[in-house]
């Protein structure tokens, strides 16, 4: 299986975007989308996918061990993912983003980014790379849409 994948780090103000190579081995940060309206955000993400000839989206979902019945950020992201999935013909895969921000901060430090610079694109890269590694280790699969 081949084809570029887009990794997304959903945030309330920004969406980090990363892109894999066509062989699905390496992820790189691509850009940060400043949030607007839901529809404008969805349109922008779908336009990026078309421009990059992407074949699917991998979207980070935060881990939550909150008690049942408690609304969490993970619930918000899952709802956003379901709404986004309805707007695209490409497969959408939720993926655990646990510790992606910590890893992204370390990458930012190594890249010598300003300490207050956004790292959403780096978090998306970490999420996507985690998925790619699992995919190649046989610990993840990629769905096909008919």
C-alpha atoms as a PDB file:
ATOM      1  CA  UNK A   1       0.000   0.000   0.000  1.00  0.00           C
ATOM      2  CA  UNK A   2       1.245   3.453  -0.825  1.00  0.00           C
ATOM      3  CA  UNK A   3       0.019   7.010  -1.057  1.00  0.00           C
ATOM      4  CA  UNK A   4       0.574  10.092   1.021  1.00  0.00           C
ATOM      5  CA  UNK A   5      -1.267  10.430   4.311  1.00  0.00           C
ATOM      6  CA  UNK A   6      -2.089  13.628   6.152  1.00  0.00           C
ATOM      7  CA  UNK A   7      -1.742  13.777   9.915  1.00  0.00           C
ATOM      8  CA  UNK A   8      -3.835  16.262  11.899  1.00  0.00           C
ATOM      9  CA  UNK A   9      -3.486  17.623  15.414  1.00  0.00           C
ATOM     10  CA  UNK A  10      -6.866  19.118  16.327  1.00  0.00           C
ATOM     11  CA  UNK A  11      -6.819  22.170  18.559  1.00  0.00           C
ATOM     12  CA  UNK A  12      -9.310  24.817  19.550  1.00  0.00           C
ATOM     13  CA  UNK A  13      -7.346  27.625  17.841  1.00  0.00           C
ATOM     14  CA  UNK A  14      -5.186  25.770  15.327  1.00  0.00           C
ATOM     15  CA  UNK A  15      -4.958  22.509  13.412  1.00  0.00           C
ATOM     16  CA  UNK A  16      -1.487  21.117  12.882  1.00  0.00           C
ATOM     17  CA  UNK A  17      -0.962  19.407   9.532  1.00  0.00           C
ATOM     18  CA  UNK A  18       1.737  16.875   8.619  1.00  0.00           C
ATOM     19  CA  UNK A  19       2.330  14.865   5.463  1.00  0.00           C
ATOM     20  CA  UNK A  20       3.884  11.464   4.785  1.00  0.00           C
ATOM     21  CA  UNK A  21       5.937  10.457   1.816  1.00  0.00           C
ATOM     22  CA  UNK A  22       4.233   8.250  -0.784  1.00  0.00           C
ATOM     23  CA  UNK A  23       5.811   5.087   0.638  1.00  0.00           C
ATOM     24  CA  UNK A  24       4.312   5.903   4.071  1.00  0.00           C
ATOM     25  CA  UNK A  25       7.628   5.702   5.883  1.00  0.00           C
ATOM     26  CA  UNK A  26       8.388   9.272   6.957  1.00  0.00           C
ATOM     27  CA  UNK A  27       6.218  12.129   8.207  1.00  0.00           C
ATOM     28  CA  UNK A  28       7.125  15.796   8.011  1.00  0.00           C
ATOM     29  CA  UNK A  29       5.416  18.866   9.333  1.00  0.00           C
ATOM     30  CA  UNK A  30       3.526  20.775   6.641  1.00  0.00           C
ATOM     31  CA  UNK A  31       1.666  23.770   8.065  1.00  0.00           C
ATOM     32  CA  UNK A  32      -0.627  25.139  10.740  1.00  0.00           C
ATOM     33  CA  UNK A  33      -4.223  26.043   9.888  1.00  0.00           C
ATOM     34  CA  UNK A  34      -5.681  28.862  11.960  1.00  0.00           C
ATOM     35  CA  UNK A  35      -9.210  27.777  12.895  1.00  0.00           C
ATOM     36  CA  UNK A  36     -12.087  29.637  11.271  1.00  0.00           C
ATOM     37  CA  UNK A  37     -15.548  28.188  10.813  1.00  0.00           C
ATOM     38  CA  UNK A  38     -16.025  24.441  10.866  1.00  0.00           C
ATOM     39  CA  UNK A  39     -16.936  24.375   7.161  1.00  0.00           C
ATOM     40  CA  UNK A  40     -14.012  26.612   6.177  1.00  0.00           C
ATOM     41  CA  UNK A  41     -11.639  24.394   8.164  1.00  0.00           C
ATOM     42  CA  UNK A  42     -13.011  21.244   6.528  1.00  0.00           C
ATOM     43  CA  UNK A  43     -12.794  22.816   3.069  1.00  0.00           C
ATOM     44  CA  UNK A  44      -9.182  23.882   3.691  1.00  0.00           C
ATOM     45  CA  UNK A  45      -8.146  20.421   4.898  1.00  0.00           C
ATOM     46  CA  UNK A  46      -9.788  18.745   1.910  1.00  0.00           C
ATOM     47  CA  UNK A  47      -8.084  21.242  -0.431  1.00  0.00           C
ATOM     48  CA  UNK A  48      -4.702  20.442   1.144  1.00  0.00           C
ATOM     49  CA  UNK A  49      -5.392  16.725   0.645  1.00  0.00           C
ATOM     50  CA  UNK A  50      -6.233  17.296  -3.024  1.00  0.00           C
ATOM     51  CA  UNK A  51      -3.180  19.519  -3.558  1.00  0.00           C
ATOM     52  CA  UNK A  52      -0.875  16.927  -1.960  1.00  0.00           C
ATOM     53  CA  UNK A  53      -2.583  13.936  -3.650  1.00  0.00           C
ATOM     54  CA  UNK A  54      -3.216  12.449  -0.209  1.00  0.00           C
ATOM     55  CA  UNK A  55      -5.055   9.170   0.190  1.00  0.00           C
ATOM     56  CA  UNK A  56      -6.270   9.549   3.782  1.00  0.00           C
ATOM     57  CA  UNK A  57      -6.213  11.384   7.099  1.00  0.00           C
ATOM     58  CA  UNK A  58      -4.781  10.287  10.444  1.00  0.00           C
ATOM     59  CA  UNK A  59      -6.214  12.408  13.262  1.00  0.00           C
ATOM     60  CA  UNK A  60      -4.878  12.496  16.789  1.00  0.00           C
ATOM     61  CA  UNK A  61      -7.274  11.755  19.649  1.00  0.00           C
ATOM     62  CA  UNK A  62      -6.170  12.575  23.183  1.00  0.00           C
ATOM     63  CA  UNK A  63      -6.168   9.783  25.720  1.00  0.00           C
ATOM     64  CA  UNK A  64      -8.679  10.183  28.537  1.00  0.00           C
ATOM     65  CA  UNK A  65      -9.179   8.215  31.719  1.00  0.00           C
ATOM     66  CA  UNK A  66     -11.993  10.470  32.917  1.00  0.00           C
ATOM     67  CA  UNK A  67     -14.908   8.836  34.718  1.00  0.00           C
ATOM     68  CA  UNK A  68     -17.833   7.681  32.587  1.00  0.00           C
ATOM     69  CA  UNK A  69     -20.290  10.459  31.873  1.00  0.00           C
ATOM     70  CA  UNK A  70     -17.623  13.165  31.997  1.00  0.00           C
ATOM     71  CA  UNK A  71     -17.224  15.188  28.790  1.00  0.00           C
ATOM     72  CA  UNK A  72     -13.562  15.269  27.770  1.00  0.00           C
ATOM     73  CA  UNK A  73     -11.384  16.816  25.081  1.00  0.00           C
ATOM     74  CA  UNK A  74     -11.287  13.335  23.512  1.00  0.00           C
ATOM     75  CA  UNK A  75     -15.088  13.471  23.144  1.00  0.00           C
ATOM     76  CA  UNK A  76     -14.821  16.875  21.462  1.00  0.00           C
ATOM     77  CA  UNK A  77     -12.180  15.600  19.048  1.00  0.00           C
ATOM     78  CA  UNK A  78     -14.153  12.434  18.239  1.00  0.00           C
ATOM     79  CA  UNK A  79     -17.218  14.547  17.403  1.00  0.00           C
ATOM     80  CA  UNK A  80     -15.082  16.823  15.209  1.00  0.00           C
ATOM     81  CA  UNK A  81     -13.625  13.755  13.465  1.00  0.00           C
ATOM     82  CA  UNK A  82     -17.083  12.332  12.733  1.00  0.00           C
ATOM     83  CA  UNK A  83     -18.203  15.668  11.283  1.00  0.00           C
ATOM     84  CA  UNK A  84     -15.035  15.990   9.222  1.00  0.00           C
ATOM     85  CA  UNK A  85     -15.280  12.399   7.943  1.00  0.00           C
ATOM     86  CA  UNK A  86     -18.715  13.230   6.531  1.00  0.00           C
ATOM     87  CA  UNK A  87     -17.117  15.934   4.337  1.00  0.00           C
ATOM     88  CA  UNK A  88     -14.380  13.873   2.692  1.00  0.00           C
ATOM     89  CA  UNK A  89     -14.224  10.901   0.371  1.00  0.00           C
ATOM     90  CA  UNK A  90     -10.903   9.866   1.932  1.00  0.00           C
ATOM     91  CA  UNK A  91     -10.543   7.420   4.816  1.00  0.00           C
ATOM     92  CA  UNK A  92     -10.218   9.039   8.244  1.00  0.00           C
ATOM     93  CA  UNK A  93      -8.366   7.167  10.992  1.00  0.00           C
ATOM     94  CA  UNK A  94      -8.436   8.319  14.632  1.00  0.00           C
ATOM     95  CA  UNK A  95      -5.070   7.687  16.307  1.00  0.00           C
ATOM     96  CA  UNK A  96      -3.879   7.960  19.899  1.00  0.00           C
ATOM     97  CA  UNK A  97      -1.932  11.188  20.336  1.00  0.00           C
ATOM     98  CA  UNK A  98      -0.682  10.479  23.843  1.00  0.00           C
ATOM     99  CA  UNK A  99       2.589  12.319  24.531  1.00  0.00           C
ATOM    100  CA  UNK A 100       2.651  13.918  21.064  1.00  0.00           C
ATOM    101  CA  UNK A 101       2.916  17.410  22.562  1.00  0.00           C
ATOM    102  CA  UNK A 102       5.900  16.402  24.696  1.00  0.00           C
ATOM    103  CA  UNK A 103       7.642  14.914  21.661  1.00  0.00           C
ATOM    104  CA  UNK A 104       6.732  17.975  19.569  1.00  0.00           C
ATOM    105  CA  UNK A 105       8.218  20.321  22.186  1.00  0.00           C
ATOM    106  CA  UNK A 106      11.475  18.326  22.084  1.00  0.00           C
ATOM    107  CA  UNK A 107      11.583  18.510  18.267  1.00  0.00           C
ATOM    108  CA  UNK A 108      10.921  22.267  18.451  1.00  0.00           C
ATOM    109  CA  UNK A 109      13.807  22.639  20.900  1.00  0.00           C
ATOM    110  CA  UNK A 110      16.120  20.680  18.598  1.00  0.00           C
ATOM    111  CA  UNK A 111      14.985  22.819  15.648  1.00  0.00           C
ATOM    112  CA  UNK A 112      15.685  25.901  17.773  1.00  0.00           C
ATOM    113  CA  UNK A 113      12.173  27.250  17.374  1.00  0.00           C
ATOM    114  CA  UNK A 114      11.232  30.128  19.620  1.00  0.00           C
ATOM    115  CA  UNK A 115       9.905  28.795  22.951  1.00  0.00           C
ATOM    116  CA  UNK A 116       6.530  30.472  22.350  1.00  0.00           C
ATOM    117  CA  UNK A 117       6.137  29.401  18.693  1.00  0.00           C
ATOM    118  CA  UNK A 118       3.186  27.126  17.919  1.00  0.00           C
ATOM    119  CA  UNK A 119       4.058  23.432  17.647  1.00  0.00           C
ATOM    120  CA  UNK A 120       0.778  22.110  16.241  1.00  0.00           C
ATOM    121  CA  UNK A 121       2.461  21.064  12.977  1.00  0.00           C
ATOM    122  CA  UNK A 122       5.128  19.178  14.918  1.00  0.00           C
ATOM    123  CA  UNK A 123       2.470  17.441  17.020  1.00  0.00           C
ATOM    124  CA  UNK A 124       0.742  16.389  13.780  1.00  0.00           C
ATOM    125  CA  UNK A 125       4.082  15.030  12.549  1.00  0.00           C
ATOM    126  CA  UNK A 126       4.546  13.006  15.754  1.00  0.00           C
ATOM    127  CA  UNK A 127       1.003  11.605  15.496  1.00  0.00           C
ATOM    128  CA  UNK A 128       1.434  10.678  11.848  1.00  0.00           C
ATOM    129  CA  UNK A 129       4.890   9.151  12.386  1.00  0.00           C
ATOM    130  CA  UNK A 130       3.516   7.049  15.243  1.00  0.00           C
ATOM    131  CA  UNK A 131       0.807   5.743  12.924  1.00  0.00           C
ATOM    132  CA  UNK A 132       3.277   5.076  10.081  1.00  0.00           C
ATOM    133  CA  UNK A 133       5.572   3.153  12.428  1.00  0.00           C
ATOM    134  CA  UNK A 134       2.639   1.056  13.681  1.00  0.00           C
ATOM    135  CA  UNK A 135       1.461   0.478  10.109  1.00  0.00           C
ATOM    136  CA  UNK A 136       4.861  -0.854   9.047  1.00  0.00           C
ATOM    137  CA  UNK A 137       5.187  -2.948  12.203  1.00  0.00           C
ATOM    138  CA  UNK A 138       1.813  -4.573  11.466  1.00  0.00           C
ATOM    139  CA  UNK A 139       0.190  -2.974  14.517  1.00  0.00           C
ATOM    140  CA  UNK A 140      -2.180  -0.787  12.488  1.00  0.00           C
ATOM    141  CA  UNK A 141      -4.144  -1.134   9.290  1.00  0.00           C
ATOM    142  CA  UNK A 142      -5.329   1.416   6.776  1.00  0.00           C
ATOM    143  CA  UNK A 143      -8.995   1.277   5.723  1.00  0.00           C
ATOM    144  CA  UNK A 144     -10.242   1.524   2.175  1.00  0.00           C
ATOM    145  CA  UNK A 145     -13.296   3.519   1.170  1.00  0.00           C
ATOM    146  CA  UNK A 146     -15.378   2.152  -1.642  1.00  0.00           C
END
